[in-house]
Every structure is written in structure tokens, then in C-alpha cells.
């Protein structure tokens, strides 16, 4: 079975909304990692020191055929059409281990 990793950088106040929308679209779970960073034109300074902007990295391991619907749900829930709200990308996955429970869950969803 082919998998892809959807990686989304999301504002912390939108993370739950993004994860719930992705699950409704077929994602079986997510890993959330606290992070910081800046976007284009977003860097702020305080007495000459750059301030980090809080964000969260959300990873979804999904079945290849489900990528489009899940990515669409993430974009909508995260308000990615608005500047500075987040971005998402899809990465290929060469090999995976530990996905046995998701495989059986996906099979039951298709049946």
C-alpha cells in the first residue's frame, strides 16, 4: 500500500480544527510538534532581537488515494488562503513500519 506524508505548519489556535477536519476526510491520526518560525515579511523584533512566531507542525501519514481530500480539508480548516496562517506539503514515503492498525482501519472503511 502506498503512503504519503502530509506535513502542515499551522497556527496553534487552528491545530485542533485542522486535525479534526483531516480525520473527517479520512486521516486516521496525526502527530503534532510544537515549533517556531517566521514567514515572509512576518519577522518581528524587540530591541533588535528577532521574535519567534509560534506554530505547530502536524504530520499525517495517509493512503495515497486519500491525499487530495485530506489536503483540501487541511487547507480549508487552517484558513491557508489567508496570509500568514500556514502551509502544507505532501512528501513521498518510501517505506513505513507500524501502520498495521491503520491498514486494517482503512480496509474496514472501504468495505
C-alpha atoms as a PDB file:
ATOM      1  CA  UNK A   1       0.000   0.000   0.000  1.00  0.00           C
ATOM      2  CA  UNK A   2       1.399   3.433  -0.976  1.00  0.00           C
ATOM      3  CA  UNK A   3       1.568   6.191   1.618  1.00  0.00           C
ATOM      4  CA  UNK A   4       2.266   9.913   1.590  1.00  0.00           C
ATOM      5  CA  UNK A   5       3.149  12.209   4.475  1.00  0.00           C
ATOM      6  CA  UNK A   6       1.204  15.453   4.677  1.00  0.00           C
ATOM      7  CA  UNK A   7       3.213  17.998   6.622  1.00  0.00           C
ATOM      8  CA  UNK A   8       1.324  21.112   7.738  1.00  0.00           C
ATOM      9  CA  UNK A   9       2.637  24.173   9.575  1.00  0.00           C
ATOM     10  CA  UNK A  10      -0.371  25.503  11.478  1.00  0.00           C
ATOM     11  CA  UNK A  11      -1.073  28.311  13.922  1.00  0.00           C
ATOM     12  CA  UNK A  12      -1.626  26.741  17.372  1.00  0.00           C
ATOM     13  CA  UNK A  13      -5.174  28.116  17.691  1.00  0.00           C
ATOM     14  CA  UNK A  14      -6.140  26.239  14.483  1.00  0.00           C
ATOM     15  CA  UNK A  15      -4.421  22.895  15.146  1.00  0.00           C
ATOM     16  CA  UNK A  16      -7.432  21.091  16.657  1.00  0.00           C
ATOM     17  CA  UNK A  17      -9.660  22.329  13.855  1.00  0.00           C
ATOM     18  CA  UNK A  18      -7.155  21.136  11.211  1.00  0.00           C
ATOM     19  CA  UNK A  19      -6.705  17.702  12.809  1.00  0.00           C
ATOM     20  CA  UNK A  20     -10.460  17.170  13.238  1.00  0.00           C
ATOM     21  CA  UNK A  21     -11.148  18.170   9.626  1.00  0.00           C
ATOM     22  CA  UNK A  22      -8.407  15.855   8.355  1.00  0.00           C
ATOM     23  CA  UNK A  23      -9.872  12.985  10.383  1.00  0.00           C
ATOM     24  CA  UNK A  24     -13.332  13.636   8.939  1.00  0.00           C
ATOM     25  CA  UNK A  25     -11.728  13.446   5.476  1.00  0.00           C
ATOM     26  CA  UNK A  26     -10.157  10.061   6.264  1.00  0.00           C
ATOM     27  CA  UNK A  27      -6.924  10.618   8.212  1.00  0.00           C
ATOM     28  CA  UNK A  28      -6.514   8.068  10.992  1.00  0.00           C
ATOM     29  CA  UNK A  29      -4.372  10.232  13.272  1.00  0.00           C
ATOM     30  CA  UNK A  30      -1.771  12.970  13.498  1.00  0.00           C
ATOM     31  CA  UNK A  31       1.492  13.829  15.199  1.00  0.00           C
ATOM     32  CA  UNK A  32       1.769  17.401  16.494  1.00  0.00           C
ATOM     33  CA  UNK A  33       5.159  19.012  17.125  1.00  0.00           C
ATOM     34  CA  UNK A  34       5.493  22.488  18.702  1.00  0.00           C
ATOM     35  CA  UNK A  35       7.725  24.745  16.604  1.00  0.00           C
ATOM     36  CA  UNK A  36       8.577  28.349  15.876  1.00  0.00           C
ATOM     37  CA  UNK A  37       9.462  30.271  12.760  1.00  0.00           C
ATOM     38  CA  UNK A  38       8.720  33.283  10.637  1.00  0.00           C
ATOM     39  CA  UNK A  39       7.001  33.820   7.306  1.00  0.00           C
ATOM     40  CA  UNK A  40       7.781  36.265   4.540  1.00  0.00           C
ATOM     41  CA  UNK A  41       7.535  39.787   5.943  1.00  0.00           C
ATOM     42  CA  UNK A  42       6.417  38.423   9.300  1.00  0.00           C
ATOM     43  CA  UNK A  43       9.655  38.681  11.320  1.00  0.00           C
ATOM     44  CA  UNK A  44       9.210  40.957  14.321  1.00  0.00           C
ATOM     45  CA  UNK A  45      11.910  42.408  16.507  1.00  0.00           C
ATOM     46  CA  UNK A  46      12.083  43.660  20.075  1.00  0.00           C
ATOM     47  CA  UNK A  47      15.128  45.817  20.913  1.00  0.00           C
ATOM     48  CA  UNK A  48      16.892  44.373  17.858  1.00  0.00           C
ATOM     49  CA  UNK A  49      16.229  40.713  18.745  1.00  0.00           C
ATOM     50  CA  UNK A  50      14.120  38.576  16.409  1.00  0.00           C
ATOM     51  CA  UNK A  51      10.997  37.140  17.973  1.00  0.00           C
ATOM     52  CA  UNK A  52       9.953  33.616  17.087  1.00  0.00           C
ATOM     53  CA  UNK A  53       6.409  33.115  15.909  1.00  0.00           C
ATOM     54  CA  UNK A  54       4.675  30.089  17.491  1.00  0.00           C
ATOM     55  CA  UNK A  55       3.472  27.403  15.132  1.00  0.00           C
ATOM     56  CA  UNK A  56       2.822  23.677  15.215  1.00  0.00           C
ATOM     57  CA  UNK A  57       3.962  21.072  12.726  1.00  0.00           C
ATOM     58  CA  UNK A  58       1.258  18.475  12.124  1.00  0.00           C
ATOM     59  CA  UNK A  59       2.190  15.238  10.362  1.00  0.00           C
ATOM     60  CA  UNK A  60      -0.347  12.924   8.770  1.00  0.00           C
ATOM     61  CA  UNK A  61       0.588   9.556   7.257  1.00  0.00           C
ATOM     62  CA  UNK A  62      -2.143   8.824   4.723  1.00  0.00           C
ATOM     63  CA  UNK A  63      -3.071   6.387   1.981  1.00  0.00           C
ATOM     64  CA  UNK A  64      -2.073   7.796  -1.402  1.00  0.00           C
ATOM     65  CA  UNK A  65      -5.665   7.898  -2.792  1.00  0.00           C
ATOM     66  CA  UNK A  66      -6.829   9.964   0.215  1.00  0.00           C
ATOM     67  CA  UNK A  67      -4.237  12.754  -0.140  1.00  0.00           C
ATOM     68  CA  UNK A  68      -6.337  15.200  -2.182  1.00  0.00           C
ATOM     69  CA  UNK A  69      -9.405  15.140   0.080  1.00  0.00           C
ATOM     70  CA  UNK A  70      -7.361  15.349   3.292  1.00  0.00           C
ATOM     71  CA  UNK A  71      -5.127  18.144   1.967  1.00  0.00           C
ATOM     72  CA  UNK A  72      -8.208  20.071   0.866  1.00  0.00           C
ATOM     73  CA  UNK A  73      -9.740  19.696   4.348  1.00  0.00           C
ATOM     74  CA  UNK A  74      -6.490  20.888   5.964  1.00  0.00           C
ATOM     75  CA  UNK A  75      -6.280  23.946   3.688  1.00  0.00           C
ATOM     76  CA  UNK A  76      -9.859  24.944   4.453  1.00  0.00           C
ATOM     77  CA  UNK A  77      -9.717  24.331   8.222  1.00  0.00           C
ATOM     78  CA  UNK A  78      -6.357  26.106   8.527  1.00  0.00           C
ATOM     79  CA  UNK A  79      -7.526  29.146   6.516  1.00  0.00           C
ATOM     80  CA  UNK A  80      -4.427  28.750   4.333  1.00  0.00           C
ATOM     81  CA  UNK A  81      -5.830  31.165   1.745  1.00  0.00           C
ATOM     82  CA  UNK A  82      -5.206  33.962   4.280  1.00  0.00           C
ATOM     83  CA  UNK A  83      -1.619  35.281   4.574  1.00  0.00           C
ATOM     84  CA  UNK A  84       0.458  34.033   7.499  1.00  0.00           C
ATOM     85  CA  UNK A  85      -1.883  31.216   8.591  1.00  0.00           C
ATOM     86  CA  UNK A  86       0.134  28.205   7.485  1.00  0.00           C
ATOM     87  CA  UNK A  87       1.291  25.956   4.696  1.00  0.00           C
ATOM     88  CA  UNK A  88       1.045  22.266   3.893  1.00  0.00           C
ATOM     89  CA  UNK A  89       3.026  19.958   1.642  1.00  0.00           C
ATOM     90  CA  UNK A  90       2.910  16.333   0.594  1.00  0.00           C
ATOM     91  CA  UNK A  91       6.033  14.196   0.795  1.00  0.00           C
ATOM     92  CA  UNK A  92       6.573  10.735  -0.692  1.00  0.00           C
ATOM     93  CA  UNK A  93       7.065   7.849   1.733  1.00  0.00           C
ATOM     94  CA  UNK A  94       9.463   5.120   0.625  1.00  0.00           C
ATOM     95  CA  UNK A  95       8.867   2.669   3.464  1.00  0.00           C
ATOM     96  CA  UNK A  96       6.735   2.546   6.580  1.00  0.00           C
ATOM     97  CA  UNK A  97       6.575   0.421   9.727  1.00  0.00           C
ATOM     98  CA  UNK A  98       3.934   0.372  12.445  1.00  0.00           C
ATOM     99  CA  UNK A  99       0.946   1.153  10.237  1.00  0.00           C
ATOM    100  CA  UNK A 100      -0.779  -2.200  10.698  1.00  0.00           C
ATOM    101  CA  UNK A 101      -3.690  -0.759  12.701  1.00  0.00           C
ATOM    102  CA  UNK A 102      -4.275   1.977  10.123  1.00  0.00           C
ATOM    103  CA  UNK A 103      -4.209  -0.572   7.299  1.00  0.00           C
ATOM    104  CA  UNK A 104      -6.951  -2.629   8.931  1.00  0.00           C
ATOM    105  CA  UNK A 105      -8.954   0.520   9.746  1.00  0.00           C
ATOM    106  CA  UNK A 106      -8.681   1.740   6.136  1.00  0.00           C
ATOM    107  CA  UNK A 107      -9.806  -1.654   4.810  1.00  0.00           C
ATOM    108  CA  UNK A 108     -12.900  -1.568   7.020  1.00  0.00           C
ATOM    109  CA  UNK A 109     -13.703   1.980   5.818  1.00  0.00           C
ATOM    110  CA  UNK A 110     -13.576   0.824   2.188  1.00  0.00           C
ATOM    111  CA  UNK A 111     -15.706  -2.299   2.763  1.00  0.00           C
END
